[in-house]
Amino acid sequence: MTMSAVFDLDKARVRTSFAPASDTYDGLAVLQRSVGTALLEQCPASAEGTVLDLGSGPGFLTDRLL
């Protein structure tokens, strides 16, 4: 198996699996928001470079990262 095969996702299947949770996900992501906010507070305001937001969920911290 090649490395690219590991990341070959069936996007339709992923969408079908996660779509039912999308309506309630944000309301249940209290821990994710809390941890993300705490981590963001530790970043210096003058930080430069590229930031990769893994596990960003609905994008709660995206505006604050920008």
PDB file of N, CA and C in Angstrom:
ATOM      1  N   MET A   1       0.848  -1.186   0.000  1.00  0.00           N
ATOM      2  CA  MET A   1       0.000   0.000   0.000  1.00  0.00           C
ATOM      3  C   MET A   1       0.890   1.244   0.000  1.00  0.00           C
ATOM      4  N   THR A   2       0.605   2.171  -0.875  1.00  0.00           N
ATOM      5  CA  THR A   2       1.379   3.404  -0.942  1.00  0.00           C
ATOM      6  C   THR A   2       0.876   4.385   0.117  1.00  0.00           C
ATOM      7  N   MET A   3       1.728   5.362   0.422  1.00  0.00           N
ATOM      8  CA  MET A   3       1.355   6.365   1.417  1.00  0.00           C
ATOM      9  C   MET A   3       0.123   7.140   0.965  1.00  0.00           C
ATOM     10  N   SER A   4       0.002   7.429  -0.325  1.00  0.00           N
ATOM     11  CA  SER A   4      -1.161   8.186  -0.798  1.00  0.00           C
ATOM     12  C   SER A   4      -2.449   7.387  -0.636  1.00  0.00           C
ATOM     13  N   ALA A   5      -2.353   6.067  -0.664  1.00  0.00           N
ATOM     14  CA  ALA A   5      -3.547   5.232  -0.502  1.00  0.00           C
ATOM     15  C   ALA A   5      -4.129   5.362   0.901  1.00  0.00           C
ATOM     16  N   VAL A   6      -3.282   5.654   1.873  1.00  0.00           N
ATOM     17  CA  VAL A   6      -3.746   5.814   3.248  1.00  0.00           C
ATOM     18  C   VAL A   6      -4.693   7.001   3.346  1.00  0.00           C
ATOM     19  N   PHE A   7      -4.462   8.026   2.547  1.00  0.00           N
ATOM     20  CA  PHE A   7      -5.254   9.250   2.611  1.00  0.00           C
ATOM     21  C   PHE A   7      -6.336   9.325   1.544  1.00  0.00           C
ATOM     22  N   ASP A   8      -6.569   8.236   0.849  1.00  0.00           N
ATOM     23  CA  ASP A   8      -7.608   8.180  -0.164  1.00  0.00           C
ATOM     24  C   ASP A   8      -8.954   7.992   0.535  1.00  0.00           C
ATOM     25  N   LEU A   9      -9.672   9.075   0.750  1.00  0.00           N
ATOM     26  CA  LEU A   9     -10.935   9.022   1.475  1.00  0.00           C
ATOM     27  C   LEU A   9     -12.123   8.978   0.531  1.00  0.00           C
ATOM     28  N   ASP A  10     -13.140   8.292   0.939  1.00  0.00           N
ATOM     29  CA  ASP A  10     -14.410   8.305   0.230  1.00  0.00           C
ATOM     30  C   ASP A  10     -15.199   9.486   0.800  1.00  0.00           C
ATOM     31  N   LYS A  11     -15.106  10.622   0.124  1.00  0.00           N
ATOM     32  CA  LYS A  11     -15.698  11.852   0.646  1.00  0.00           C
ATOM     33  C   LYS A  11     -17.201  11.746   0.858  1.00  0.00           C
ATOM     34  N   ALA A  12     -17.870  11.034  -0.003  1.00  0.00           N
ATOM     35  CA  ALA A  12     -19.322  10.863   0.158  1.00  0.00           C
ATOM     36  C   ALA A  12     -19.626  10.095   1.437  1.00  0.00           C
ATOM     37  N   ARG A  13     -18.830   9.087   1.716  1.00  0.00           N
ATOM     38  CA  ARG A  13     -19.044   8.295   2.942  1.00  0.00           C
ATOM     39  C   ARG A  13     -18.743   9.128   4.191  1.00  0.00           C
ATOM     40  N   VAL A  14     -17.682   9.927   4.139  1.00  0.00           N
ATOM     41  CA  VAL A  14     -17.352  10.804   5.267  1.00  0.00           C
ATOM     42  C   VAL A  14     -18.485  11.791   5.500  1.00  0.00           C
ATOM     43  N   ARG A  15     -18.976  12.399   4.431  1.00  0.00           N
ATOM     44  CA  ARG A  15     -20.076  13.362   4.529  1.00  0.00           C
ATOM     45  C   ARG A  15     -21.311  12.707   5.138  1.00  0.00           C
ATOM     46  N   THR A  16     -21.643  11.508   4.680  1.00  0.00           N
ATOM     47  CA  THR A  16     -22.804  10.780   5.193  1.00  0.00           C
ATOM     48  C   THR A  16     -22.644  10.460   6.674  1.00  0.00           C
ATOM     49  N   SER A  17     -21.433  10.168   7.091  1.00  0.00           N
ATOM     50  CA  SER A  17     -21.176   9.825   8.494  1.00  0.00           C
ATOM     51  C   SER A  17     -21.275  11.035   9.418  1.00  0.00           C
ATOM     52  N   PHE A  18     -20.799  12.185   8.955  1.00  0.00           N
ATOM     53  CA  PHE A  18     -20.743  13.351   9.826  1.00  0.00           C
ATOM     54  C   PHE A  18     -21.911  14.323   9.668  1.00  0.00           C
ATOM     55  N   ALA A  19     -22.609  14.275   8.567  1.00  0.00           N
ATOM     56  CA  ALA A  19     -23.702  15.223   8.326  1.00  0.00           C
ATOM     57  C   ALA A  19     -24.768  15.225   9.422  1.00  0.00           C
ATOM     58  N   PRO A  20     -25.199  14.071   9.928  1.00  0.00           N
ATOM     59  CA  PRO A  20     -26.230  14.089  10.972  1.00  0.00           C
ATOM     60  C   PRO A  20     -25.791  14.837  12.240  1.00  0.00           C
ATOM     61  N   ALA A  21     -24.501  14.878  12.515  1.00  0.00           N
ATOM     62  CA  ALA A  21     -24.008  15.544  13.721  1.00  0.00           C
ATOM     63  C   ALA A  21     -23.779  17.039  13.518  1.00  0.00           C
ATOM     64  N   SER A  22     -23.811  17.506  12.289  1.00  0.00           N
ATOM     65  CA  SER A  22     -23.434  18.897  12.014  1.00  0.00           C
ATOM     66  C   SER A  22     -24.357  19.916  12.676  1.00  0.00           C
ATOM     67  N   ASP A  23     -25.615  19.614  12.817  1.00  0.00           N
ATOM     68  CA  ASP A  23     -26.549  20.563  13.426  1.00  0.00           C
ATOM     69  C   ASP A  23     -26.288  20.770  14.920  1.00  0.00           C
ATOM     70  N   THR A  24     -25.760  19.773  15.593  1.00  0.00           N
ATOM     71  CA  THR A  24     -25.550  19.865  17.038  1.00  0.00           C
ATOM     72  C   THR A  24     -24.080  19.974  17.430  1.00  0.00           C
ATOM     73  N   TYR A  25     -23.188  19.828  16.470  1.00  0.00           N
ATOM     74  CA  TYR A  25     -21.755  19.781  16.773  1.00  0.00           C
ATOM     75  C   TYR A  25     -21.285  21.015  17.523  1.00  0.00           C
ATOM     76  N   ASP A  26     -21.611  22.191  17.034  1.00  0.00           N
ATOM     77  CA  ASP A  26     -21.106  23.425  17.627  1.00  0.00           C
ATOM     78  C   ASP A  26     -21.553  23.559  19.080  1.00  0.00           C
ATOM     79  N   GLY A  27     -22.779  23.204  19.368  1.00  0.00           N
ATOM     80  CA  GLY A  27     -23.286  23.306  20.732  1.00  0.00           C
ATOM     81  C   GLY A  27     -22.630  22.328  21.686  1.00  0.00           C
ATOM     82  N   LEU A  28     -22.095  21.239  21.164  1.00  0.00           N
ATOM     83  CA  LEU A  28     -21.472  20.218  22.002  1.00  0.00           C
ATOM     84  C   LEU A  28     -19.952  20.344  22.063  1.00  0.00           C
ATOM     85  N   ALA A  29     -19.385  21.300  21.358  1.00  0.00           N
ATOM     86  CA  ALA A  29     -17.934  21.435  21.268  1.00  0.00           C
ATOM     87  C   ALA A  29     -17.371  22.364  22.340  1.00  0.00           C
ATOM     88  N   VAL A  30     -17.933  22.310  23.530  1.00  0.00           N
ATOM     89  CA  VAL A  30     -17.512  23.195  24.619  1.00  0.00           C
ATOM     90  C   VAL A  30     -16.040  22.976  24.967  1.00  0.00           C
ATOM     91  N   LEU A  31     -15.628  21.727  25.101  1.00  0.00           N
ATOM     92  CA  LEU A  31     -14.232  21.441  25.443  1.00  0.00           C
ATOM     93  C   LEU A  31     -13.298  21.906  24.329  1.00  0.00           C
ATOM     94  N   GLN A  32     -13.671  21.679  23.088  1.00  0.00           N
ATOM     95  CA  GLN A  32     -12.841  22.101  21.967  1.00  0.00           C
ATOM     96  C   GLN A  32     -12.645  23.620  21.987  1.00  0.00           C
ATOM     97  N   ARG A  33     -13.708  24.379  22.229  1.00  0.00           N
ATOM     98  CA  ARG A  33     -13.596  25.839  22.277  1.00  0.00           C
ATOM     99  C   ARG A  33     -12.738  26.279  23.460  1.00  0.00           C
ATOM    100  N   SER A  34     -12.921  25.628  24.598  1.00  0.00           N
ATOM    101  CA  SER A  34     -12.168  25.986  25.797  1.00  0.00           C
ATOM    102  C   SER A  34     -10.672  25.738  25.612  1.00  0.00           C
ATOM    103  N   VAL A  35     -10.311  24.579  25.110  1.00  0.00           N
ATOM    104  CA  VAL A  35      -8.904  24.242  24.889  1.00  0.00           C
ATOM    105  C   VAL A  35      -8.316  25.134  23.796  1.00  0.00           C
ATOM    106  N   GLY A  36      -9.057  25.341  22.722  1.00  0.00           N
ATOM    107  CA  GLY A  36      -8.577  26.191  21.634  1.00  0.00           C
ATOM    108  C   GLY A  36      -8.332  27.613  22.091  1.00  0.00           C
ATOM    109  N   THR A  37      -9.245  28.151  22.892  1.00  0.00           N
ATOM    110  CA  THR A  37      -9.088  29.514  23.413  1.00  0.00           C
ATOM    111  C   THR A  37      -7.876  29.601  24.327  1.00  0.00           C
ATOM    112  N   ALA A  38      -7.693  28.613  25.193  1.00  0.00           N
ATOM    113  CA  ALA A  38      -6.538  28.610  26.100  1.00  0.00           C
ATOM    114  C   ALA A  38      -5.230  28.543  25.317  1.00  0.00           C
ATOM    115  N   LEU A  39      -5.174  27.720  24.285  1.00  0.00           N
ATOM    116  CA  LEU A  39      -3.968  27.632  23.464  1.00  0.00           C
ATOM    117  C   LEU A  39      -3.707  28.929  22.717  1.00  0.00           C
ATOM    118  N   LEU A  40      -4.764  29.524  22.196  1.00  0.00           N
ATOM    119  CA  LEU A  40      -4.617  30.772  21.452  1.00  0.00           C
ATOM    120  C   LEU A  40      -4.113  31.894  22.352  1.00  0.00           C
ATOM    121  N   GLU A  41      -4.543  31.892  23.597  1.00  0.00           N
ATOM    122  CA  GLU A  41      -4.098  32.927  24.542  1.00  0.00           C
ATOM    123  C   GLU A  41      -2.606  32.824  24.833  1.00  0.00           C
ATOM    124  N   GLN A  42      -2.016  31.658  24.600  1.00  0.00           N
ATOM    125  CA  GLN A  42      -0.587  31.475  24.834  1.00  0.00           C
ATOM    126  C   GLN A  42       0.264  31.912  23.641  1.00  0.00           C
ATOM    127  N   CYS A  43      -0.373  32.148  22.509  1.00  0.00           N
ATOM    128  CA  CYS A  43       0.363  32.590  21.319  1.00  0.00           C
ATOM    129  C   CYS A  43       0.659  34.078  21.433  1.00  0.00           C
ATOM    130  N   PRO A  44       1.886  34.473  21.152  1.00  0.00           N
ATOM    131  CA  PRO A  44       2.193  35.906  21.176  1.00  0.00           C
ATOM    132  C   PRO A  44       1.408  36.649  20.094  1.00  0.00           C
ATOM    133  N   ALA A  45       0.942  37.830  20.418  1.00  0.00           N
ATOM    134  CA  ALA A  45       0.145  38.621  19.470  1.00  0.00           C
ATOM    135  C   ALA A  45       0.954  38.991  18.235  1.00  0.00           C
ATOM    136  N   SER A  46       2.260  39.053  18.382  1.00  0.00           N
ATOM    137  CA  SER A  46       3.101  39.463  17.255  1.00  0.00           C
ATOM    138  C   SER A  46       3.638  38.272  16.464  1.00  0.00           C
ATOM    139  N   ALA A  47       3.109  37.091  16.713  1.00  0.00           N
ATOM    140  CA  ALA A  47       3.600  35.892  16.027  1.00  0.00           C
ATOM    141  C   ALA A  47       3.382  36.022  14.521  1.00  0.00           C
ATOM    142  N   GLU A  48       4.368  35.585  13.762  1.00  0.00           N
ATOM    143  CA  GLU A  48       4.261  35.597  12.310  1.00  0.00           C
ATOM    144  C   GLU A  48       4.474  34.198  11.793  1.00  0.00           C
ATOM    145  N   GLY A  49       3.967  33.929  10.613  1.00  0.00           N
ATOM    146  CA  GLY A  49       4.183  32.638   9.986  1.00  0.00           C
ATOM    147  C   GLY A  49       2.872  31.994   9.603  1.00  0.00           C
ATOM    148  N   THR A  50       2.957  30.728   9.344  1.00  0.00           N
ATOM    149  CA  THR A  50       1.802  29.968   8.902  1.00  0.00           C
ATOM    150  C   THR A  50       1.238  29.187  10.068  1.00  0.00           C
ATOM    151  N   VAL A  51      -0.072  29.200  10.194  1.00  0.00           N
ATOM    152  CA  VAL A  51      -0.750  28.451  11.247  1.00  0.00           C
ATOM    153  C   VAL A  51      -1.662  27.434  10.591  1.00  0.00           C
ATOM    154  N   LEU A  52      -1.566  26.215  11.032  1.00  0.00           N
ATOM    155  CA  LEU A  52      -2.426  25.158  10.538  1.00  0.00           C
ATOM    156  C   LEU A  52      -3.388  24.790  11.656  1.00  0.00           C
ATOM    157  N   ASP A  53      -4.667  24.987  11.428  1.00  0.00           N
ATOM    158  CA  ASP A  53      -5.690  24.730  12.429  1.00  0.00           C
ATOM    159  C   ASP A  53      -6.268  23.340  12.192  1.00  0.00           C
ATOM    160  N   LEU A  54      -5.653  22.331  12.783  1.00  0.00           N
ATOM    161  CA  LEU A  54      -6.133  20.958  12.655  1.00  0.00           C
ATOM    162  C   LEU A  54      -7.273  20.733  13.631  1.00  0.00           C
ATOM    163  N   GLY A  55      -8.280  20.060  13.187  1.00  0.00           N
ATOM    164  CA  GLY A  55      -9.414  19.793  14.071  1.00  0.00           C
ATOM    165  C   GLY A  55     -10.207  21.050  14.349  1.00  0.00           C
ATOM    166  N   SER A  56     -10.326  21.915  13.353  1.00  0.00           N
ATOM    167  CA  SER A  56     -10.959  23.216  13.566  1.00  0.00           C
ATOM    168  C   SER A  56     -12.473  23.154  13.703  1.00  0.00           C
ATOM    169  N   GLY A  57     -13.052  21.988  13.446  1.00  0.00           N
ATOM    170  CA  GLY A  57     -14.509  21.862  13.598  1.00  0.00           C
ATOM    171  C   GLY A  57     -15.223  22.890  12.754  1.00  0.00           C
ATOM    172  N   PRO A  58     -16.128  23.643  13.376  1.00  0.00           N
ATOM    173  CA  PRO A  58     -16.890  24.636  12.617  1.00  0.00           C
ATOM    174  C   PRO A  58     -16.132  25.945  12.389  1.00  0.00           C
ATOM    175  N   GLY A  59     -14.878  25.995  12.775  1.00  0.00           N
ATOM    176  CA  GLY A  59     -14.076  27.197  12.528  1.00  0.00           C
ATOM    177  C   GLY A  59     -14.191  28.250  13.608  1.00  0.00           C
ATOM    178  N   PHE A  60     -14.508  27.844  14.826  1.00  0.00           N
ATOM    179  CA  PHE A  60     -14.689  28.781  15.949  1.00  0.00           C
ATOM    180  C   PHE A  60     -13.527  29.743  16.120  1.00  0.00           C
ATOM    181  N   LEU A  61     -12.296  29.255  16.000  1.00  0.00           N
ATOM    182  CA  LEU A  61     -11.130  30.088  16.244  1.00  0.00           C
ATOM    183  C   LEU A  61     -10.529  30.715  14.990  1.00  0.00           C
ATOM    184  N   THR A  62     -11.075  30.418  13.844  1.00  0.00           N
ATOM    185  CA  THR A  62     -10.475  30.883  12.588  1.00  0.00           C
ATOM    186  C   THR A  62     -10.325  32.397  12.544  1.00  0.00           C
ATOM    187  N   ASP A  63     -11.368  33.150  12.862  1.00  0.00           N
ATOM    188  CA  ASP A  63     -11.271  34.607  12.838  1.00  0.00           C
ATOM    189  C   ASP A  63     -10.222  35.112  13.815  1.00  0.00           C
ATOM    190  N   ARG A  64     -10.155  34.512  14.984  1.00  0.00           N
ATOM    191  CA  ARG A  64      -9.185  34.934  15.988  1.00  0.00           C
ATOM    192  C   ARG A  64      -7.764  34.593  15.551  1.00  0.00           C
ATOM    193  N   LEU A  65      -7.589  33.478  14.836  1.00  0.00           N
ATOM    194  CA  LEU A  65      -6.263  33.135  14.319  1.00  0.00           C
ATOM    195  C   LEU A  65      -5.811  34.139  13.278  1.00  0.00           C
ATOM    196  N   LEU A  66      -6.751  34.585  12.444  1.00  0.00           N
ATOM    197  CA  LEU A  66      -6.410  35.538  11.394  1.00  0.00           C
ATOM    198  C   LEU A  66      -6.025  36.864  12.007  1.00  0.00           C
TER     199      LEU A  66
END
